[in-house]
Amino acid sequence: MLTSTPENLTRREEQARTLAARIVVLLDNLDDLGIGVTVGQLHTPAGVIRRQPERGWTVTDR
């Protein structure tokens, strides 16, 4: 468990959201190759990355 200031925790959570958004782009790129659809969901400190029909991959808060 991270023991730090609230400001540091907020900064790290923002970093986690940014990284999760980058993962979403990569998953969409994989799907765009057209050789098979990636399925499922990934649980991250930033929330849950899921594939949504007609929308591609998204990051949602827990």
Protein backbone atom coordinates (compact mmCIF):
# COMPACT_ATOMS: atom_id res chain seq x y z
CA MET A 1 0.00 0.00 0.00
CA LEU A 2 1.22 3.44 -0.91
CA THR A 3 1.78 5.64 2.11
CA SER A 4 2.17 9.21 0.97
CA THR A 5 0.49 12.57 0.85
CA PRO A 6 -2.96 12.97 -0.70
CA GLU A 7 -1.39 15.13 -3.42
CA ASN A 8 1.10 12.40 -4.31
CA LEU A 9 -1.68 9.82 -4.43
CA THR A 10 -3.71 12.06 -6.74
CA ARG A 11 -0.70 12.50 -9.02
CA ARG A 12 -0.10 8.74 -9.18
CA GLU A 13 -3.77 8.07 -9.92
CA GLU A 14 -3.59 10.53 -12.81
CA GLN A 15 -0.48 8.76 -14.11
CA ALA A 16 -2.35 5.45 -13.90
CA ARG A 17 -5.27 6.90 -15.91
CA THR A 18 -2.86 8.18 -18.56
CA LEU A 19 -1.19 4.78 -18.88
CA ALA A 20 -4.58 3.04 -19.08
CA ALA A 21 -5.59 5.38 -21.92
CA ARG A 22 -2.40 4.42 -23.79
CA ILE A 23 -3.27 0.74 -23.34
CA VAL A 24 -6.72 1.42 -24.85
CA VAL A 25 -5.08 2.85 -27.97
CA LEU A 26 -2.91 -0.26 -28.34
CA LEU A 27 -5.88 -2.61 -27.91
CA ASP A 28 -7.84 -0.66 -30.55
CA ASN A 29 -4.80 -0.92 -32.85
CA LEU A 30 -4.74 -4.69 -32.37
CA ASP A 31 -8.43 -4.93 -33.24
CA ASP A 32 -7.90 -2.75 -36.32
CA LEU A 33 -5.51 -5.35 -37.75
CA GLY A 34 -8.57 -7.44 -38.49
CA ILE A 35 -7.04 -10.78 -37.59
CA GLY A 36 -9.25 -11.36 -34.57
CA VAL A 37 -10.99 -9.32 -31.96
CA THR A 38 -9.41 -8.88 -28.55
CA VAL A 39 -11.94 -9.64 -25.81
CA GLY A 40 -12.28 -9.30 -22.08
CA GLN A 41 -11.31 -6.70 -19.59
CA LEU A 42 -8.26 -5.56 -17.67
CA HIS A 43 -8.34 -4.32 -14.10
CA THR A 44 -5.84 -1.54 -13.41
CA PRO A 45 -5.23 0.94 -10.59
CA ALA A 46 -6.91 3.51 -12.85
CA GLY A 47 -10.11 1.50 -13.24
CA VAL A 48 -11.30 -1.15 -15.65
CA ILE A 49 -10.40 -1.31 -19.33
CA ARG A 50 -13.22 -3.04 -21.23
CA ARG A 51 -14.21 -3.64 -24.79
CA GLN A 52 -17.62 -2.19 -25.54
CA PRO A 53 -19.53 -3.15 -28.69
CA GLU A 54 -19.44 -0.47 -31.36
CA ARG A 55 -17.22 1.74 -29.16
CA GLY A 56 -13.98 -0.21 -28.91
CA TRP A 57 -11.96 -0.16 -25.73
CA THR A 58 -12.70 2.28 -22.91
CA VAL A 59 -11.43 3.03 -19.41
CA THR A 60 -14.02 3.30 -16.67
CA ASP A 61 -13.62 4.16 -12.99
CA ARG A 62 -14.17 1.37 -10.53
